[in-house]
Protein backbone atom coordinates (compact mmCIF):
# COMPACT_ATOMS: atom_id res chain seq x y z
CA MET A 1 -53.50 188.35 10.85
CA GLU A 2 -56.49 189.17 8.80
CA LYS A 3 -58.00 186.73 6.44
CA ILE A 4 -56.50 187.03 2.82
CA ARG A 5 -59.74 187.73 0.80
CA THR A 6 -59.52 185.61 -2.22
CA VAL A 7 -61.61 185.41 -5.40
CA GLU A 8 -61.40 182.15 -7.50
CA LEU A 9 -62.33 182.35 -11.20
CA PHE A 10 -62.86 179.55 -13.61
CA ALA A 11 -62.70 177.54 -10.52
CA GLY A 12 -63.26 174.04 -12.17
CA VAL A 13 -63.27 171.57 -9.23
CA GLY A 14 -61.49 173.81 -6.68
CA GLY A 15 -57.78 173.11 -7.35
CA PHE A 16 -56.56 176.66 -6.59
CA ARG A 17 -58.74 176.62 -3.44
CA LEU A 18 -57.64 173.25 -2.28
CA GLY A 19 -53.81 174.25 -2.73
CA LEU A 20 -54.03 177.57 -1.28
CA GLU A 21 -55.94 176.42 2.00
CA ALA A 22 -53.21 173.75 2.24
CA SER A 23 -50.70 176.25 2.49
CA SER A 24 -52.60 178.38 5.28
CA ASP A 25 -56.17 178.72 6.53
CA ASN A 26 -55.72 182.47 6.10
CA PHE A 27 -56.70 182.36 2.70
CA LYS A 28 -60.36 182.80 2.69
CA VAL A 29 -62.32 182.39 -0.82
CA ILE A 30 -65.06 184.91 -0.62
CA TRP A 31 -66.43 184.55 -4.04
CA ALA A 32 -66.04 181.80 -6.65
CA ASN A 33 -67.14 181.38 -10.12
CA GLN A 34 -67.36 178.29 -12.42
CA TRP A 35 -69.44 178.15 -15.54
CA GLU A 36 -69.02 175.81 -18.77
CA PRO A 37 -70.93 177.38 -21.51
CA SER A 38 -70.80 174.31 -23.65
CA MET A 39 -72.52 171.81 -21.28
CA GLN A 40 -76.16 171.82 -19.82
CA GLU A 41 -74.98 170.11 -16.79
CA GLN A 42 -72.48 171.94 -14.79
CA TYR A 43 -70.71 169.01 -13.31
CA ALA A 44 -67.44 170.88 -12.33
CA PHE A 45 -69.50 173.46 -10.27
CA ASP A 46 -71.75 170.69 -8.63
CA CYS A 47 -68.14 169.14 -7.56
CA TYR A 48 -67.06 172.44 -6.18
CA ILE A 49 -70.21 172.90 -3.95
CA ALA A 50 -69.97 169.37 -2.82
CA HIS A 51 -66.79 170.24 -1.13
CA PHE A 52 -66.98 173.81 -0.40
CA GLY A 53 -70.73 174.23 0.22
CA GLU A 54 -73.65 175.95 -1.49
CA SER A 55 -73.43 179.74 -1.19
CA GLU A 56 -74.62 183.00 -2.79
CA GLN A 57 -70.78 183.74 -3.14
CA HIS A 58 -70.32 180.31 -5.20
CA VAL A 59 -71.55 181.35 -8.43
CA CYS A 60 -72.43 179.26 -11.60
CA GLN A 61 -73.19 181.77 -14.40
CA ASP A 62 -71.19 183.45 -17.36
CA ILE A 63 -68.70 185.53 -15.73
CA ALA A 64 -69.35 188.31 -18.15
CA THR A 65 -72.83 188.69 -16.69
CA VAL A 66 -71.81 188.50 -13.00
CA LYS A 67 -68.33 190.22 -12.87
CA SER A 68 -69.89 193.49 -11.35
CA ASN A 69 -70.78 191.29 -8.35
CA VAL A 70 -67.19 190.51 -7.43
CA PRO A 71 -66.49 191.91 -4.02
CA ASP A 72 -63.15 193.76 -3.20
CA HIS A 73 -60.39 191.31 -2.55
CA ASP A 74 -56.72 190.90 -1.91
CA LEU A 75 -55.88 188.05 -4.14
CA LEU A 76 -57.31 186.96 -7.59
CA VAL A 77 -56.74 183.51 -8.69
CA GLY A 78 -57.61 181.54 -11.71
CA GLY A 79 -56.79 178.99 -14.51
CA PHE A 80 -58.36 180.95 -17.17
CA PRO A 81 -59.50 178.60 -20.18
CA CYS A 82 -56.60 177.36 -22.21
CA GLN A 83 -57.92 175.47 -25.20
CA ASP A 84 -57.27 178.55 -27.49
CA TYR A 85 -53.49 178.43 -26.51
CA SER A 86 -53.16 174.67 -26.39
CA ILE A 87 -50.83 172.60 -28.75
CA MET A 88 -53.57 169.87 -28.87
CA LYS A 89 -56.01 172.16 -30.60
CA LYS A 90 -55.26 172.51 -34.35
CA ASN A 91 -55.17 176.07 -35.44
CA ALA A 92 -55.46 177.44 -32.01
CA ALA A 93 -56.76 181.18 -32.01
CA GLY A 94 -55.01 182.36 -28.92
CA ILE A 95 -56.52 185.50 -27.11
CA GLU A 96 -58.92 185.95 -30.06
CA GLY A 97 -60.47 182.63 -29.71
CA SER A 98 -63.84 181.80 -27.99
CA LYS A 99 -62.02 180.71 -24.73
CA GLY A 100 -59.03 183.05 -25.17
CA VAL A 101 -61.25 186.16 -24.94
CA LEU A 102 -62.19 185.35 -21.50
CA TRP A 103 -58.81 186.97 -20.39
CA TRP A 104 -60.66 190.35 -20.88
CA GLN A 105 -63.02 189.34 -18.16
CA ILE A 106 -60.12 189.09 -15.74
CA ASP A 107 -58.89 192.42 -17.18
CA ASP A 108 -62.10 194.14 -16.30
CA ILE A 109 -62.08 192.86 -12.83
CA LEU A 110 -58.58 193.78 -12.25
CA ARG A 111 -59.48 197.39 -13.44
CA GLU A 112 -62.12 197.73 -11.19
CA LYS A 113 -61.01 195.85 -7.87
CA ARG A 114 -57.01 196.23 -8.18
CA PRO A 115 -56.45 193.47 -5.82
CA LYS A 116 -52.72 193.46 -4.38
CA TYR A 117 -51.98 190.18 -6.02
CA ALA A 118 -53.23 187.91 -8.97
CA LEU A 119 -52.07 184.39 -9.40
CA LEU A 120 -53.13 182.91 -12.82
CA GLU A 121 -52.25 179.60 -14.55
CA ASN A 122 -52.46 178.41 -18.34
CA VAL A 123 -50.69 176.15 -20.59
CA ASP A 124 -47.06 176.59 -21.43
CA ARG A 125 -47.78 177.51 -25.13
CA ILE A 126 -49.48 180.82 -24.04
CA ILE A 127 -46.09 182.73 -24.08
CA ARG A 128 -45.66 181.73 -27.77
CA SER A 129 -49.11 182.34 -29.06
CA PRO A 130 -49.87 182.75 -31.84
CA ALA A 131 -47.68 180.89 -34.18
CA LYS A 132 -47.59 183.44 -36.86
CA GLN A 133 -46.82 186.39 -34.28
CA GLN A 134 -44.89 184.78 -31.58
CA GLY A 135 -45.36 186.47 -28.00
CA ARG A 136 -48.28 188.79 -29.08
CA ASP A 137 -50.98 187.28 -26.91
CA PHE A 138 -48.82 187.22 -23.78
CA SER A 139 -47.65 190.67 -24.60
CA ILE A 140 -51.21 191.90 -24.55
CA ILE A 141 -51.72 190.29 -21.16
CA LEU A 142 -48.62 191.98 -19.74
CA ARG A 143 -49.58 195.40 -21.32
CA CYS A 144 -53.03 195.17 -19.63
CA LEU A 145 -51.46 194.53 -16.23
CA TYR A 146 -48.89 197.23 -16.64
CA GLU A 147 -51.58 199.72 -17.41
CA LYS A 148 -53.43 198.75 -14.07
CA GLY A 149 -50.19 199.35 -12.12
CA TYR A 150 -48.75 195.58 -11.72
CA ALA A 151 -45.35 194.13 -12.10
CA VAL A 152 -45.50 190.56 -13.48
CA GLU A 153 -43.38 187.45 -13.11
CA TRP A 154 -44.13 184.21 -14.96
CA ARG A 155 -42.57 180.69 -15.10
CA ILE A 156 -43.34 177.49 -17.00
CA VAL A 157 -43.34 174.92 -14.26
CA ASN A 158 -43.02 170.93 -14.80
CA ALA A 159 -44.56 169.20 -11.89
CA ALA A 160 -42.15 166.15 -12.26
CA ASP A 161 -39.29 168.51 -11.92
CA TYR A 162 -40.27 169.33 -8.45
CA GLY A 163 -40.89 165.69 -7.28
CA TYR A 164 -44.39 165.13 -8.55
CA ALA A 165 -45.79 162.13 -10.52
CA GLN A 166 -46.84 164.07 -13.73
CA ARG A 167 -44.86 165.54 -16.52
CA ARG A 168 -47.36 168.45 -16.60
CA ARG A 169 -46.10 171.87 -17.86
CA ARG A 170 -47.95 175.04 -16.84
CA THR A 171 -47.31 178.71 -17.21
CA PHE A 172 -47.63 180.45 -13.63
CA ILE A 173 -48.25 184.32 -13.88
CA ILE A 174 -48.08 186.39 -10.64
CA ALA A 175 -48.89 190.02 -10.95
CA TYR A 176 -48.43 192.31 -7.66
CA HIS A 177 -49.77 195.75 -7.48
CA ASN A 178 -47.86 198.92 -6.84
CA GLN A 179 -49.51 199.14 -3.41
CA SER A 180 -47.80 196.06 -2.37
CA GLN A 181 -44.18 196.02 -0.64
CA ARG A 182 -42.85 193.45 -3.10
CA PHE A 183 -43.63 196.00 -5.98
CA ARG A 184 -41.92 198.66 -4.35
CA ASP A 185 -38.85 196.66 -3.50
CA LEU A 186 -38.61 195.44 -6.93
CA ALA A 187 -38.97 198.88 -8.65
CA GLU A 188 -36.23 200.17 -6.33
CA GLY A 189 -33.85 197.42 -7.44
CA VAL A 190 -34.83 197.61 -11.22
CA CYS A 191 -34.43 201.48 -10.99
CA THR A 192 -30.89 201.31 -9.55
CA LYS A 193 -29.63 198.17 -11.25
CA GLY A 194 -31.56 197.67 -14.13
CA LEU A 195 -31.41 194.39 -16.19
CA LYS A 196 -28.97 193.01 -13.64
CA HIS A 197 -31.51 193.16 -10.85
CA MET A 198 -34.19 191.73 -13.12
CA HIS A 199 -32.00 188.81 -13.74
CA GLN A 200 -31.11 188.29 -10.11
CA TYR A 201 -34.74 188.69 -9.07
CA ILE A 202 -35.87 185.92 -11.42
CA MET A 203 -33.28 183.54 -10.45
CA ALA A 204 -33.78 183.77 -6.56
CA GLN A 205 -36.02 186.33 -5.23
CA ALA A 206 -39.16 186.09 -7.30
CA VAL A 207 -42.28 184.36 -5.64
CA LEU A 208 -41.81 181.56 -8.37
CA ALA A 209 -38.02 181.34 -7.73
CA GLU A 210 -38.76 180.81 -3.99
CA ALA A 211 -41.53 178.39 -4.55
CA PHE A 212 -39.61 176.48 -7.49
CA PRO A 213 -35.80 177.00 -7.00
CA ILE A 214 -33.64 177.39 -10.00
CA ALA A 215 -30.34 175.53 -10.58
CA SER A 216 -28.98 177.51 -13.53
CA HIS A 217 -29.99 179.42 -16.68
CA SER A 218 -29.10 179.35 -20.39
CA ARG A 219 -27.30 182.37 -22.19
CA THR A 220 -30.58 182.91 -24.07
CA PHE A 221 -32.54 186.03 -22.82
CA THR A 222 -34.97 188.74 -24.46
CA GLU A 223 -35.18 192.24 -23.33
CA SER A 224 -37.86 194.66 -24.56
CA TRP A 225 -40.70 197.08 -23.79
CA ILE A 226 -44.35 197.06 -23.64
CA ASP A 227 -45.10 200.56 -22.47
CA GLU A 228 -46.89 203.29 -24.27
CA ILE A 229 -43.65 204.62 -25.67
CA ALA A 230 -42.94 201.53 -27.41
CA TYR A 231 -46.86 200.93 -28.43
CA PRO A 232 -49.18 203.89 -27.67
CA ASP A 233 -52.08 201.63 -27.09
CA ILE A 234 -53.13 197.91 -27.08
CA PRO A 235 -54.17 197.74 -30.74
CA ASP A 236 -50.63 198.65 -31.61
CA VAL A 237 -49.34 195.79 -29.46
CA THR A 238 -51.89 193.55 -31.41
CA THR A 239 -50.79 194.44 -34.68
CA GLN A 240 -47.01 195.07 -34.10
CA GLN A 241 -45.63 193.06 -31.28
CA LYS A 242 -43.64 189.96 -31.89
CA VAL A 243 -41.21 188.77 -29.21
CA SER A 244 -39.51 185.45 -28.38
CA LEU A 245 -40.24 184.89 -24.50
CA TYR A 246 -38.64 182.09 -22.40
CA ASN A 247 -39.67 179.92 -19.73
CA ALA A 248 -39.05 182.48 -17.00
CA GLY A 249 -39.54 186.26 -17.14
CA LEU A 250 -40.46 189.69 -15.45
CA MET A 251 -42.16 192.88 -16.47
CA MET A 252 -41.67 196.01 -14.41
CA ASN A 253 -42.82 199.44 -15.54
CA GLY A 254 -43.30 198.27 -19.10
CA ARG A 255 -39.84 196.58 -19.31
CA ILE A 256 -39.58 192.89 -20.07
CA TYR A 257 -36.69 190.46 -19.40
CA SER A 258 -36.94 186.94 -20.09
CA VAL A 259 -34.49 184.04 -19.67
CA ASP A 260 -34.38 180.29 -20.11
CA VAL A 261 -33.92 178.62 -16.83
CA HIS A 262 -33.23 175.24 -15.47
CA PRO A 263 -34.97 173.74 -12.37
CA GLN A 264 -33.29 172.60 -9.17
CA ARG A 265 -34.73 169.07 -9.73
CA LYS A 266 -36.11 166.74 -7.31
CA VAL A 267 -36.74 162.92 -7.69
CA PRO A 268 -40.03 162.61 -9.27
CA ILE A 269 -42.79 160.08 -7.89
CA PRO A 270 -42.79 157.15 -10.44
CA LEU A 271 -46.10 156.10 -12.12
CA ARG A 272 -46.26 152.77 -10.38
CA ASP A 273 -46.53 154.53 -7.07
CA ILE A 274 -49.72 156.24 -7.81
CA LEU A 275 -51.60 153.10 -9.51
CA GLU A 276 -54.36 151.49 -7.36
CA LYS A 277 -52.88 148.22 -6.01
CA GLY A 278 -55.99 146.21 -5.44
CA TYR A 279 -58.90 145.06 -7.55
CA VAL A 280 -59.66 147.35 -10.52
CA ASP A 281 -62.86 146.97 -12.34
CA GLU A 282 -62.92 145.05 -15.74
CA GLN A 283 -64.05 148.02 -17.82
CA TYR A 284 -60.77 149.65 -17.45
CA PHE A 285 -58.81 146.84 -19.16
CA LEU A 286 -58.03 146.94 -23.00
CA ARG A 287 -60.26 144.70 -24.99
CA SER A 288 -58.61 142.17 -27.34
CA GLU A 289 -60.67 143.53 -30.44
CA ASP A 290 -59.18 146.91 -29.86
CA MET A 291 -55.59 146.05 -29.74
CA PRO A 292 -54.88 146.64 -33.28
CA ARG A 293 -56.33 150.09 -33.13
CA TRP A 294 -54.25 150.78 -29.93
CA SER A 295 -51.01 149.37 -31.51
CA TYR A 296 -51.47 151.50 -34.62
CA LEU A 297 -52.35 154.82 -32.82
CA LYS A 298 -49.27 154.40 -30.39
CA GLY A 299 -46.87 153.27 -33.10
CA ALA A 300 -44.72 155.26 -35.63
CA LYS A 301 -45.88 156.18 -38.88
CA HIS A 302 -44.81 157.27 -42.15
CA GLU A 303 -47.57 156.97 -44.72
CA ARG A 304 -49.45 158.86 -47.48
CA ARG A 305 -52.76 160.73 -46.50
CA LYS A 306 -55.32 162.58 -48.27
CA ARG A 307 -56.25 166.18 -47.73
CA ARG A 308 -59.89 167.19 -47.92
CA ASP A 309 -59.32 168.55 -51.49
CA GLY A 310 -58.00 165.19 -52.70
CA SER A 311 -54.34 166.00 -52.71
CA GLU A 312 -51.93 163.62 -50.82
CA TYR A 313 -49.08 164.02 -48.36
CA TRP A 314 -46.61 162.21 -46.34
CA PHE A 315 -47.52 161.98 -42.78
CA SER A 316 -44.83 161.06 -39.89
CA GLU A 317 -44.62 160.68 -36.44
CA GLY A 318 -42.84 158.81 -33.84
CA SER A 319 -43.99 156.12 -31.55
CA VAL A 320 -45.38 156.52 -28.01
CA GLN A 321 -44.25 153.83 -25.37
CA PHE A 322 -46.96 151.38 -25.05
CA PRO A 323 -47.60 150.57 -22.17
CA GLU A 324 -46.29 153.56 -20.15
CA PRO A 325 -42.99 153.19 -18.24
CA MET A 326 -43.78 152.44 -14.61
CA ASP A 327 -40.47 153.89 -13.28
CA LYS A 328 -41.03 157.43 -14.59
CA PRO A 329 -43.58 160.29 -14.04
CA SER A 330 -46.57 160.07 -16.32
CA ARG A 331 -46.99 162.10 -19.35
CA THR A 332 -49.71 164.95 -19.07
CA ILE A 333 -53.12 163.62 -18.55
CA LEU A 334 -55.74 165.17 -21.02
CA THR A 335 -59.48 165.60 -21.19
CA SER A 336 -59.68 162.70 -23.29
CA GLU A 337 -58.03 160.25 -21.06
CA THR A 338 -59.02 156.58 -21.53
CA GLN A 339 -60.42 156.98 -25.22
CA VAL A 340 -58.81 154.60 -27.61
CA GLY A 341 -56.06 157.01 -28.83
CA ARG A 342 -52.57 158.11 -28.89
CA THR A 343 -52.42 160.18 -25.97
CA SER A 344 -54.45 157.98 -23.53
CA HIS A 345 -52.36 156.26 -20.81
CA VAL A 346 -52.10 152.38 -20.86
CA VAL A 347 -50.43 150.84 -17.88
CA VAL A 348 -49.71 147.34 -16.56
CA ASP A 349 -52.11 146.58 -13.82
CA GLN A 350 -50.37 145.78 -10.62
CA MET A 351 -52.51 142.92 -9.60
CA THR A 352 -53.11 141.14 -12.83
CA GLY A 353 -50.23 142.16 -15.16
CA ARG A 354 -52.85 142.95 -17.94
CA LEU A 355 -52.99 146.26 -19.79
CA ARG A 356 -55.52 148.91 -18.87
CA THR A 357 -56.19 152.67 -18.82
CA LEU A 358 -56.00 154.96 -15.82
CA THR A 359 -58.83 155.05 -13.38
CA PRO A 360 -60.39 158.31 -12.20
CA VAL A 361 -58.83 158.01 -8.85
CA GLU A 362 -55.27 157.52 -10.36
CA CYS A 363 -55.92 160.62 -12.34
CA GLU A 364 -56.97 162.59 -9.17
CA ARG A 365 -53.58 161.41 -7.61
CA LEU A 366 -51.62 162.61 -10.37
CA ASN A 367 -52.93 166.01 -10.06
CA GLY A 368 -52.72 165.96 -6.26
CA PHE A 369 -56.29 165.83 -5.46
CA PRO A 370 -57.77 163.43 -2.76
CA ASP A 371 -58.85 160.08 -3.76
CA GLY A 372 -62.61 160.34 -5.05
CA TRP A 373 -62.64 164.10 -5.23
CA THR A 374 -64.59 164.07 -8.50
CA ASP A 375 -66.90 161.24 -7.36
CA THR A 376 -69.79 163.56 -6.81
CA GLY A 377 -72.28 162.12 -9.13
CA MET A 378 -70.90 163.27 -12.42
CA PRO A 379 -70.40 160.66 -15.32
CA GLU A 380 -67.19 159.02 -15.29
CA LYS A 381 -65.99 160.52 -18.58
CA MET A 382 -66.61 163.77 -16.96
CA ARG A 383 -64.24 162.82 -13.97
CA TYR A 384 -61.36 162.48 -16.75
CA PHE A 385 -62.54 165.63 -18.35
CA CYS A 386 -62.28 167.58 -15.05
CA MET A 387 -58.91 166.32 -14.42
CA GLY A 388 -57.51 166.86 -17.67
CA ASN A 389 -58.44 170.54 -17.08
CA ALA A 390 -57.10 170.77 -13.52
CA LEU A 391 -53.66 171.82 -12.27
CA VAL A 392 -51.33 170.12 -10.04
CA VAL A 393 -52.73 171.13 -6.63
CA PRO A 394 -49.30 170.77 -4.52
CA LEU A 395 -47.59 173.53 -6.90
CA VAL A 396 -50.38 175.99 -5.82
CA THR A 397 -49.41 175.07 -2.31
CA HIS A 398 -45.88 176.03 -2.75
CA ILE A 399 -46.84 179.26 -4.37
CA GLY A 400 -49.34 180.02 -1.55
CA GLU A 401 -46.69 179.44 1.16
CA ILE A 402 -44.57 182.34 -0.33
CA LEU A 403 -47.52 184.51 -1.03
CA HIS A 404 -48.83 184.10 2.54
CA GLY A 405 -45.42 185.38 3.78
CA ASP A 406 -45.84 188.35 1.63
CA PHE A 407 -49.36 189.22 3.11
CA THR A 408 -47.97 188.41 6.72
CA SER A 409 -45.32 191.08 6.37
CA MET A 410 -47.59 193.84 5.14
């Protein structure tokens, strides 16, 4: 078959490409973009070209200035920046934030190129953003895709539910254009059977259901519309739309159906199995003088605190296991990993029994990258930063296997 021409946006260190190429060598990335506006040194891009080669088609510039250079393609992929949707960012601004607005660059490319498929990834919170108008941001994204002729499915997937070593929850979004056979088959089913077909499709026939099988569902569901009859234009969606969306859903011809589904779980890899077994450098071990700080940050709290205006309030939070349980998959790794903090992982070293933080290699393993993938000359803190922003590569491989089958049957 012909190569599946793929464009990779917000490429990071190449997780999407790595995952797709592991599913089939028919996926061919013909253009990729990675650019971090807040950094003078482009470490992630340097890592990308270290593995995939320097090329005029590997571009390190603001996507807003180079999007007109994107070639015709069959598949668009990208983990568009998630900071403005993340629960770890206080007062996240969603699609209106400095990172969230990058959705509109994707929207422009889809308007011009209309690839048959788009595969996007973001944090789980995106379907509920913003807090004061739940579901608005995701509804805007769905409306944009509807206007360009796409059907859309989404699913929040926890990597640990499907056998991997990290409890990392991410929203995967797959859009297929009306020129694809999958769209036509789905449209026919929805036209004749309505919501019943949408439900059955989400449960068993969707790309994400094939990649990540579903065991059951709750009674909880939502049905609504996002078309021009319900909302004449996108500004109307922006000001009026508010909807509760669940962890799986489908949009076809402006109609939305969303349901709470439960995964067909596999036994996850425990944290101990990904830890380095031999000598680990002393720099990763906890210092005795930092132990009081570690214990305080990891511990439960119920204490008075002061606001900036001087007023007081009670602050409460539960404890975090310290050290991490070794017989379970890890918590989500973040860009701040190894800093003395509540969210950093502290493990028992396999050789010495002492407490230490995760190594860069262990973070790569938790995301399914080969050992040393980010060891390309970047500072060590950037290796953690890159892995905190990355996805779990094998999840993309599962999706790629299903998409490859679609392209093969065209």
